[in-house]
């Protein structure tokens, strides 16, 4: 898994270099469209075992990720969450993929539920995304 992360990082860096020229659509991003979301992890030590009727909110973690746009060989945006796991990125309407590059832990835990998340950004709206990690606590 660690080797896969290095390979993915290298590929994405290469895409960034290849697509270094900024396309026209990048300038079309407005204050009212993009992606917002959070990186969550669960179960947490406070609620390691779920019980019927018990609500156990997930924890939040800091991650790094990039957004790529379908049909363009480059990085559309770089995402860094705070310790609260939240992020917000302005993007023009279109089809994107969020690629998780780094979390504060090393494999095999926590398990990243989905490392490439497809996202559709619509005009005048922010699309909500959750990047989920499984802590392995049982």
N, C-alpha and C. Protein backbone atom coordinates (compact mmCIF):
# COMPACT_ATOMS: atom_id res chain seq x y z
N UNK A 1 0.83 -1.19 0.00
CA UNK A 1 0.00 0.00 0.00
C UNK A 1 0.88 1.25 0.00
N UNK A 2 1.98 1.25 0.77
CA UNK A 2 2.87 2.39 0.81
C UNK A 2 3.49 2.63 -0.57
N UNK A 3 3.86 1.55 -1.27
CA UNK A 3 4.42 1.66 -2.60
C UNK A 3 3.38 2.24 -3.56
N UNK A 4 2.14 1.82 -3.41
CA UNK A 4 1.07 2.34 -4.26
C UNK A 4 0.89 3.83 -4.06
N UNK A 5 1.02 4.31 -2.83
CA UNK A 5 0.90 5.73 -2.54
C UNK A 5 2.02 6.51 -3.22
N UNK A 6 3.24 5.98 -3.18
CA UNK A 6 4.36 6.64 -3.85
C UNK A 6 4.13 6.71 -5.35
N UNK A 7 3.64 5.62 -5.94
CA UNK A 7 3.39 5.59 -7.37
C UNK A 7 2.31 6.60 -7.74
N UNK A 8 1.22 6.61 -6.96
CA UNK A 8 0.13 7.55 -7.22
C UNK A 8 0.60 8.99 -7.11
N UNK A 9 1.42 9.28 -6.11
CA UNK A 9 1.95 10.63 -5.93
C UNK A 9 2.82 11.03 -7.12
N UNK A 10 3.65 10.10 -7.58
CA UNK A 10 4.52 10.38 -8.74
C UNK A 10 3.71 10.62 -10.00
N UNK A 11 2.69 9.83 -10.21
CA UNK A 11 1.83 10.00 -11.39
C UNK A 11 1.14 11.35 -11.35
N UNK A 12 0.59 11.70 -10.20
CA UNK A 12 -0.10 12.98 -10.09
C UNK A 12 0.85 14.16 -10.22
N UNK A 13 2.06 14.03 -9.71
CA UNK A 13 3.05 15.09 -9.90
C UNK A 13 3.38 15.23 -11.38
N UNK A 14 3.53 14.11 -12.06
CA UNK A 14 3.78 14.14 -13.50
C UNK A 14 2.65 14.80 -14.26
N UNK A 15 1.41 14.51 -13.87
CA UNK A 15 0.27 15.15 -14.51
C UNK A 15 0.28 16.66 -14.27
N UNK A 16 0.70 17.06 -13.10
CA UNK A 16 0.78 18.47 -12.79
C UNK A 16 1.79 19.15 -13.71
N UNK A 17 2.94 18.54 -13.91
CA UNK A 17 3.98 19.11 -14.76
C UNK A 17 3.52 19.16 -16.22
N UNK A 18 2.93 18.06 -16.70
CA UNK A 18 2.45 18.01 -18.08
C UNK A 18 1.38 19.06 -18.32
N UNK A 19 0.49 19.21 -17.37
CA UNK A 19 -0.62 20.15 -17.54
C UNK A 19 -0.35 21.49 -16.88
N UNK A 20 0.90 21.93 -16.88
CA UNK A 20 1.27 23.15 -16.17
C UNK A 20 0.58 24.39 -16.71
N UNK A 21 0.26 24.43 -17.99
CA UNK A 21 -0.46 25.57 -18.54
C UNK A 21 -1.88 25.58 -18.01
N UNK A 22 -2.34 26.70 -17.52
CA UNK A 22 -3.68 26.76 -16.95
C UNK A 22 -4.71 26.92 -18.05
N UNK A 23 -5.70 26.04 -18.10
CA UNK A 23 -6.73 26.12 -19.13
C UNK A 23 -7.74 27.22 -18.83
N UNK A 24 -8.47 27.62 -19.86
CA UNK A 24 -9.46 28.68 -19.73
C UNK A 24 -10.52 28.35 -18.69
N UNK A 25 -10.97 27.07 -18.62
CA UNK A 25 -12.05 26.72 -17.70
C UNK A 25 -11.68 26.98 -16.25
N UNK A 26 -10.35 26.98 -15.95
CA UNK A 26 -9.92 27.19 -14.58
C UNK A 26 -10.30 28.61 -14.11
N UNK A 27 -10.30 29.55 -15.04
CA UNK A 27 -10.64 30.93 -14.69
C UNK A 27 -12.15 31.13 -14.55
N UNK A 28 -12.93 30.14 -14.95
CA UNK A 28 -14.37 30.24 -14.85
C UNK A 28 -14.89 29.89 -13.47
N UNK A 29 -13.99 29.43 -12.59
CA UNK A 29 -14.40 29.10 -11.22
C UNK A 29 -14.92 30.37 -10.56
N UNK A 30 -16.02 30.24 -9.88
CA UNK A 30 -16.59 31.40 -9.21
C UNK A 30 -16.74 31.11 -7.73
N UNK A 31 -17.10 32.12 -7.00
CA UNK A 31 -17.28 31.98 -5.56
C UNK A 31 -18.39 31.00 -5.21
N UNK A 32 -19.27 30.73 -6.17
CA UNK A 32 -20.45 29.93 -5.82
C UNK A 32 -20.46 28.53 -6.42
N UNK A 33 -19.29 28.00 -6.82
CA UNK A 33 -19.26 26.60 -7.26
C UNK A 33 -17.94 25.96 -6.84
N UNK A 34 -18.01 24.66 -6.55
CA UNK A 34 -16.82 23.93 -6.14
C UNK A 34 -17.17 22.70 -5.33
N UNK A 35 -16.22 22.30 -4.49
CA UNK A 35 -16.37 21.11 -3.67
C UNK A 35 -16.07 21.48 -2.22
N UNK A 36 -16.89 20.98 -1.32
CA UNK A 36 -16.63 21.12 0.11
C UNK A 36 -16.83 19.76 0.75
N UNK A 37 -16.14 19.53 1.83
CA UNK A 37 -16.31 18.23 2.46
C UNK A 37 -15.51 18.06 3.71
N UNK A 38 -15.38 16.79 4.11
CA UNK A 38 -14.66 16.46 5.33
C UNK A 38 -14.06 15.07 5.22
N UNK A 39 -13.00 14.86 5.99
CA UNK A 39 -12.38 13.54 6.11
C UNK A 39 -12.72 13.00 7.49
N UNK A 40 -13.38 11.84 7.51
CA UNK A 40 -13.83 11.27 8.78
C UNK A 40 -13.19 9.92 9.03
N UNK A 41 -13.15 9.53 10.30
CA UNK A 41 -12.63 8.22 10.69
C UNK A 41 -13.51 7.63 11.78
N UNK A 42 -13.72 6.35 11.71
CA UNK A 42 -14.53 5.68 12.73
C UNK A 42 -14.33 4.18 12.63
N UNK A 43 -14.66 3.43 13.60
CA UNK A 43 -15.09 3.92 14.91
C UNK A 43 -13.94 4.60 15.67
N UNK A 44 -14.31 5.40 16.64
CA UNK A 44 -13.32 6.12 17.44
C UNK A 44 -13.13 5.42 18.79
N UNK A 45 -12.05 5.73 19.50
CA UNK A 45 -11.84 5.10 20.82
C UNK A 45 -12.97 5.40 21.80
N UNK A 46 -13.68 6.53 21.62
CA UNK A 46 -14.78 6.87 22.51
C UNK A 46 -15.96 5.92 22.33
N UNK A 47 -16.12 5.38 21.12
CA UNK A 47 -17.23 4.45 20.82
C UNK A 47 -16.69 3.31 19.96
N UNK A 48 -15.87 2.45 20.50
CA UNK A 48 -15.26 1.41 19.68
C UNK A 48 -16.23 0.36 19.16
N UNK A 49 -17.31 0.13 19.87
CA UNK A 49 -18.28 -0.89 19.46
C UNK A 49 -19.65 -0.24 19.38
N UNK A 50 -20.28 -0.32 18.20
CA UNK A 50 -21.60 0.25 18.04
C UNK A 50 -22.65 -0.57 18.76
N UNK A 51 -23.58 0.14 19.38
CA UNK A 51 -24.69 -0.52 20.07
C UNK A 51 -25.99 0.05 19.53
N UNK A 52 -27.03 -0.76 19.53
CA UNK A 52 -28.33 -0.34 19.04
C UNK A 52 -28.80 0.88 19.84
N UNK A 53 -29.22 1.92 19.12
CA UNK A 53 -29.72 3.13 19.77
C UNK A 53 -28.64 4.11 20.19
N UNK A 54 -27.37 3.75 20.05
CA UNK A 54 -26.27 4.63 20.44
C UNK A 54 -25.76 5.38 19.22
N UNK A 55 -25.67 6.69 19.35
CA UNK A 55 -25.15 7.51 18.27
C UNK A 55 -23.70 7.82 18.57
N UNK A 56 -22.83 7.44 17.64
CA UNK A 56 -21.39 7.67 17.83
C UNK A 56 -20.86 8.43 16.62
N UNK A 57 -20.65 9.72 16.76
CA UNK A 57 -20.18 10.51 15.62
C UNK A 57 -18.75 10.12 15.24
N UNK A 58 -18.42 10.21 13.96
CA UNK A 58 -17.06 9.89 13.54
C UNK A 58 -16.09 10.98 13.97
N UNK A 59 -14.81 10.62 14.01
CA UNK A 59 -13.78 11.60 14.27
C UNK A 59 -13.38 12.26 12.96
N UNK A 60 -12.60 13.30 13.04
CA UNK A 60 -12.13 14.00 11.84
C UNK A 60 -10.61 13.98 11.80
N UNK A 61 -10.06 13.89 10.59
CA UNK A 61 -8.60 13.84 10.44
C UNK A 61 -8.15 14.77 9.33
N UNK A 62 -6.87 15.13 9.38
CA UNK A 62 -6.26 15.96 8.34
C UNK A 62 -5.73 15.08 7.22
N UNK A 63 -6.00 15.48 5.98
CA UNK A 63 -5.50 14.75 4.81
C UNK A 63 -5.02 15.75 3.76
N UNK A 64 -4.32 15.24 2.76
CA UNK A 64 -3.97 15.99 1.57
C UNK A 64 -4.53 15.24 0.38
N UNK A 65 -5.02 15.98 -0.61
CA UNK A 65 -5.61 15.37 -1.80
C UNK A 65 -5.47 16.33 -2.97
N UNK A 66 -5.73 15.83 -4.15
CA UNK A 66 -5.79 16.69 -5.34
C UNK A 66 -7.09 16.42 -6.07
N UNK A 67 -7.54 17.43 -6.80
CA UNK A 67 -8.71 17.31 -7.66
C UNK A 67 -8.22 17.34 -9.10
N UNK A 68 -8.62 16.35 -9.89
CA UNK A 68 -8.31 16.35 -11.32
C UNK A 68 -9.63 16.50 -12.07
N UNK A 69 -9.54 17.10 -13.25
CA UNK A 69 -10.74 17.30 -14.07
C UNK A 69 -10.72 16.34 -15.23
N UNK A 70 -11.86 15.71 -15.49
CA UNK A 70 -11.97 14.75 -16.58
C UNK A 70 -11.61 15.43 -17.91
N UNK A 71 -10.72 14.77 -18.66
CA UNK A 71 -10.35 15.29 -19.97
C UNK A 71 -9.21 16.29 -19.95
N UNK A 72 -8.65 16.58 -18.78
CA UNK A 72 -7.53 17.50 -18.71
C UNK A 72 -6.41 16.86 -17.90
N UNK A 73 -5.19 16.78 -18.48
CA UNK A 73 -4.10 16.09 -17.79
C UNK A 73 -3.35 16.97 -16.80
N UNK A 74 -4.00 17.37 -15.76
CA UNK A 74 -3.34 18.21 -14.76
C UNK A 74 -4.12 18.21 -13.46
N UNK A 75 -3.61 18.92 -12.51
CA UNK A 75 -4.27 19.03 -11.21
C UNK A 75 -5.08 20.32 -11.21
N UNK A 76 -6.37 20.20 -10.96
CA UNK A 76 -7.26 21.36 -10.95
C UNK A 76 -7.18 22.10 -9.62
N UNK A 77 -6.96 21.37 -8.52
CA UNK A 77 -6.89 21.99 -7.20
C UNK A 77 -6.17 21.06 -6.23
N UNK A 78 -5.52 21.66 -5.25
CA UNK A 78 -4.86 20.92 -4.18
C UNK A 78 -5.71 21.11 -2.93
N UNK A 79 -5.93 20.02 -2.21
CA UNK A 79 -6.78 20.05 -1.02
C UNK A 79 -5.95 19.69 0.20
N UNK A 80 -6.00 20.54 1.21
CA UNK A 80 -5.40 20.25 2.52
C UNK A 80 -6.48 20.54 3.55
N UNK A 81 -6.82 19.55 4.34
CA UNK A 81 -7.81 19.80 5.38
C UNK A 81 -7.11 20.29 6.63
N UNK A 82 -7.88 20.91 7.48
CA UNK A 82 -7.37 21.26 8.79
C UNK A 82 -7.51 20.05 9.71
N UNK A 83 -7.16 20.21 10.97
CA UNK A 83 -7.30 19.12 11.94
C UNK A 83 -8.76 18.70 12.09
N UNK A 84 -9.67 19.63 11.74
CA UNK A 84 -11.09 19.31 11.81
C UNK A 84 -11.56 18.49 10.61
N UNK A 85 -10.66 18.19 9.66
CA UNK A 85 -10.98 17.36 8.52
C UNK A 85 -11.77 18.05 7.43
N UNK A 86 -12.03 19.34 7.56
CA UNK A 86 -12.89 20.04 6.60
C UNK A 86 -12.07 20.76 5.51
N UNK A 87 -12.70 20.86 4.33
CA UNK A 87 -12.08 21.59 3.22
C UNK A 87 -13.15 22.22 2.35
N UNK A 88 -12.72 23.20 1.56
CA UNK A 88 -13.60 23.90 0.61
C UNK A 88 -12.71 24.38 -0.53
N UNK A 89 -13.07 24.03 -1.77
CA UNK A 89 -12.27 24.36 -2.94
C UNK A 89 -13.18 24.94 -4.02
N UNK A 90 -12.80 26.10 -4.56
CA UNK A 90 -13.55 26.68 -5.68
C UNK A 90 -13.17 25.96 -6.97
N UNK A 91 -14.16 25.57 -7.74
CA UNK A 91 -13.93 24.92 -9.03
C UNK A 91 -15.04 25.30 -10.00
N UNK A 92 -14.68 25.33 -11.28
CA UNK A 92 -15.67 25.56 -12.33
C UNK A 92 -16.55 24.32 -12.45
N UNK A 93 -17.76 24.46 -12.94
CA UNK A 93 -18.62 23.29 -13.15
C UNK A 93 -17.94 22.26 -14.05
N UNK A 94 -18.14 20.98 -13.74
CA UNK A 94 -17.56 19.91 -14.55
C UNK A 94 -17.42 18.62 -13.75
N UNK A 95 -16.80 17.63 -14.38
CA UNK A 95 -16.57 16.31 -13.77
C UNK A 95 -15.14 16.26 -13.23
N UNK A 96 -14.99 15.91 -11.96
CA UNK A 96 -13.69 15.86 -11.30
C UNK A 96 -13.53 14.53 -10.57
N UNK A 97 -12.30 14.27 -10.13
CA UNK A 97 -12.02 13.15 -9.24
C UNK A 97 -11.14 13.66 -8.12
N UNK A 98 -11.52 13.37 -6.88
CA UNK A 98 -10.71 13.71 -5.72
C UNK A 98 -9.82 12.49 -5.44
N UNK A 99 -8.50 12.71 -5.43
CA UNK A 99 -7.52 11.64 -5.18
C UNK A 99 -6.85 11.90 -3.83
N UNK A 100 -7.03 11.01 -2.88
CA UNK A 100 -6.41 11.16 -1.57
C UNK A 100 -4.94 10.78 -1.69
N UNK A 101 -4.04 11.67 -1.24
CA UNK A 101 -2.60 11.43 -1.33
C UNK A 101 -1.97 11.08 0.00
N UNK A 102 -2.46 11.70 1.09
CA UNK A 102 -1.77 11.53 2.37
C UNK A 102 -2.75 11.64 3.53
N UNK A 103 -2.57 10.76 4.47
CA UNK A 103 -3.28 10.86 5.74
C UNK A 103 -2.21 10.75 6.82
N UNK A 104 -2.52 11.10 8.06
CA UNK A 104 -1.51 11.08 9.10
C UNK A 104 -1.06 9.69 9.54
N UNK A 105 -1.69 8.64 9.04
CA UNK A 105 -1.32 7.28 9.42
C UNK A 105 -0.67 6.54 8.27
N UNK A 106 -0.08 5.44 8.58
CA UNK A 106 0.54 4.60 7.56
C UNK A 106 -0.25 3.30 7.43
N UNK A 107 -0.32 2.75 6.22
CA UNK A 107 -1.05 1.49 6.03
C UNK A 107 -0.48 0.41 6.93
N UNK A 108 -1.20 -0.58 7.35
CA UNK A 108 -2.51 -0.91 6.81
C UNK A 108 -3.67 -0.15 7.45
N UNK A 109 -3.45 0.59 8.53
CA UNK A 109 -4.56 1.30 9.17
C UNK A 109 -4.26 2.79 9.19
N UNK A 110 -5.25 3.64 9.09
CA UNK A 110 -6.63 3.27 8.86
C UNK A 110 -6.85 2.92 7.39
N UNK A 111 -7.88 2.20 7.15
CA UNK A 111 -8.21 1.76 5.81
C UNK A 111 -9.00 2.87 5.12
N UNK A 112 -8.49 3.35 4.02
CA UNK A 112 -9.18 4.37 3.23
C UNK A 112 -10.28 3.68 2.43
N UNK A 113 -11.50 4.06 2.67
CA UNK A 113 -12.63 3.38 2.04
C UNK A 113 -12.68 3.59 0.53
N UNK A 114 -12.27 4.76 0.05
CA UNK A 114 -12.29 5.05 -1.39
C UNK A 114 -11.23 6.12 -1.66
N UNK A 115 -10.16 5.76 -2.41
CA UNK A 115 -9.06 6.69 -2.62
C UNK A 115 -9.28 7.63 -3.79
N UNK A 116 -10.15 7.29 -4.72
CA UNK A 116 -10.49 8.16 -5.84
C UNK A 116 -12.00 8.33 -5.86
N UNK A 117 -12.45 9.55 -5.59
CA UNK A 117 -13.88 9.81 -5.46
C UNK A 117 -14.35 10.71 -6.60
N UNK A 118 -15.25 10.20 -7.47
CA UNK A 118 -15.77 11.03 -8.55
C UNK A 118 -16.69 12.12 -7.99
N UNK A 119 -16.57 13.32 -8.55
CA UNK A 119 -17.34 14.46 -8.07
C UNK A 119 -17.85 15.25 -9.27
N UNK A 120 -19.12 15.60 -9.24
CA UNK A 120 -19.69 16.46 -10.29
C UNK A 120 -19.99 17.82 -9.67
N UNK A 121 -19.34 18.85 -10.20
CA UNK A 121 -19.57 20.21 -9.73
C UNK A 121 -20.59 20.86 -10.66
N UNK A 122 -21.66 21.36 -10.08
CA UNK A 122 -22.70 22.04 -10.85
C UNK A 122 -22.53 23.55 -10.71
N UNK A 123 -23.04 24.27 -11.67
CA UNK A 123 -22.97 25.73 -11.62
C UNK A 123 -23.71 26.25 -10.40
N UNK A 124 -23.14 27.24 -9.74
CA UNK A 124 -23.75 27.94 -8.61
C UNK A 124 -24.05 27.03 -7.43
N UNK A 125 -23.21 25.99 -7.23
CA UNK A 125 -23.43 25.08 -6.10
C UNK A 125 -22.11 24.46 -5.66
N UNK A 126 -22.04 24.09 -4.39
CA UNK A 126 -20.90 23.34 -3.86
C UNK A 126 -21.35 21.90 -3.65
N UNK A 127 -20.58 20.97 -4.21
CA UNK A 127 -20.86 19.54 -4.04
C UNK A 127 -20.21 19.06 -2.76
N UNK A 128 -20.96 18.32 -1.96
CA UNK A 128 -20.46 17.82 -0.68
C UNK A 128 -19.84 16.43 -0.85
N UNK A 129 -18.65 16.24 -0.25
CA UNK A 129 -17.90 14.98 -0.35
C UNK A 129 -17.43 14.58 1.04
N UNK A 130 -17.52 13.28 1.34
CA UNK A 130 -16.97 12.75 2.58
C UNK A 130 -15.91 11.72 2.22
N UNK A 131 -14.70 11.91 2.75
CA UNK A 131 -13.61 10.95 2.58
C UNK A 131 -13.58 10.12 3.86
N UNK A 132 -13.92 8.84 3.75
CA UNK A 132 -14.05 8.01 4.94
C UNK A 132 -12.91 7.06 5.17
N UNK A 133 -12.46 6.98 6.43
CA UNK A 133 -11.42 6.05 6.85
C UNK A 133 -12.01 5.12 7.91
N UNK A 134 -11.57 3.85 7.88
CA UNK A 134 -11.96 2.89 8.91
C UNK A 134 -10.77 2.75 9.84
N UNK A 135 -10.96 3.04 11.12
CA UNK A 135 -9.86 3.01 12.09
C UNK A 135 -9.38 1.60 12.43
N UNK A 136 -10.22 0.60 12.17
CA UNK A 136 -9.85 -0.76 12.52
C UNK A 136 -10.17 -1.13 13.95
N UNK A 137 -10.67 -0.17 14.73
CA UNK A 137 -11.03 -0.43 16.13
C UNK A 137 -12.32 -1.26 16.15
N UNK A 138 -12.30 -2.35 16.86
CA UNK A 138 -13.50 -3.19 16.96
C UNK A 138 -13.72 -3.62 18.38
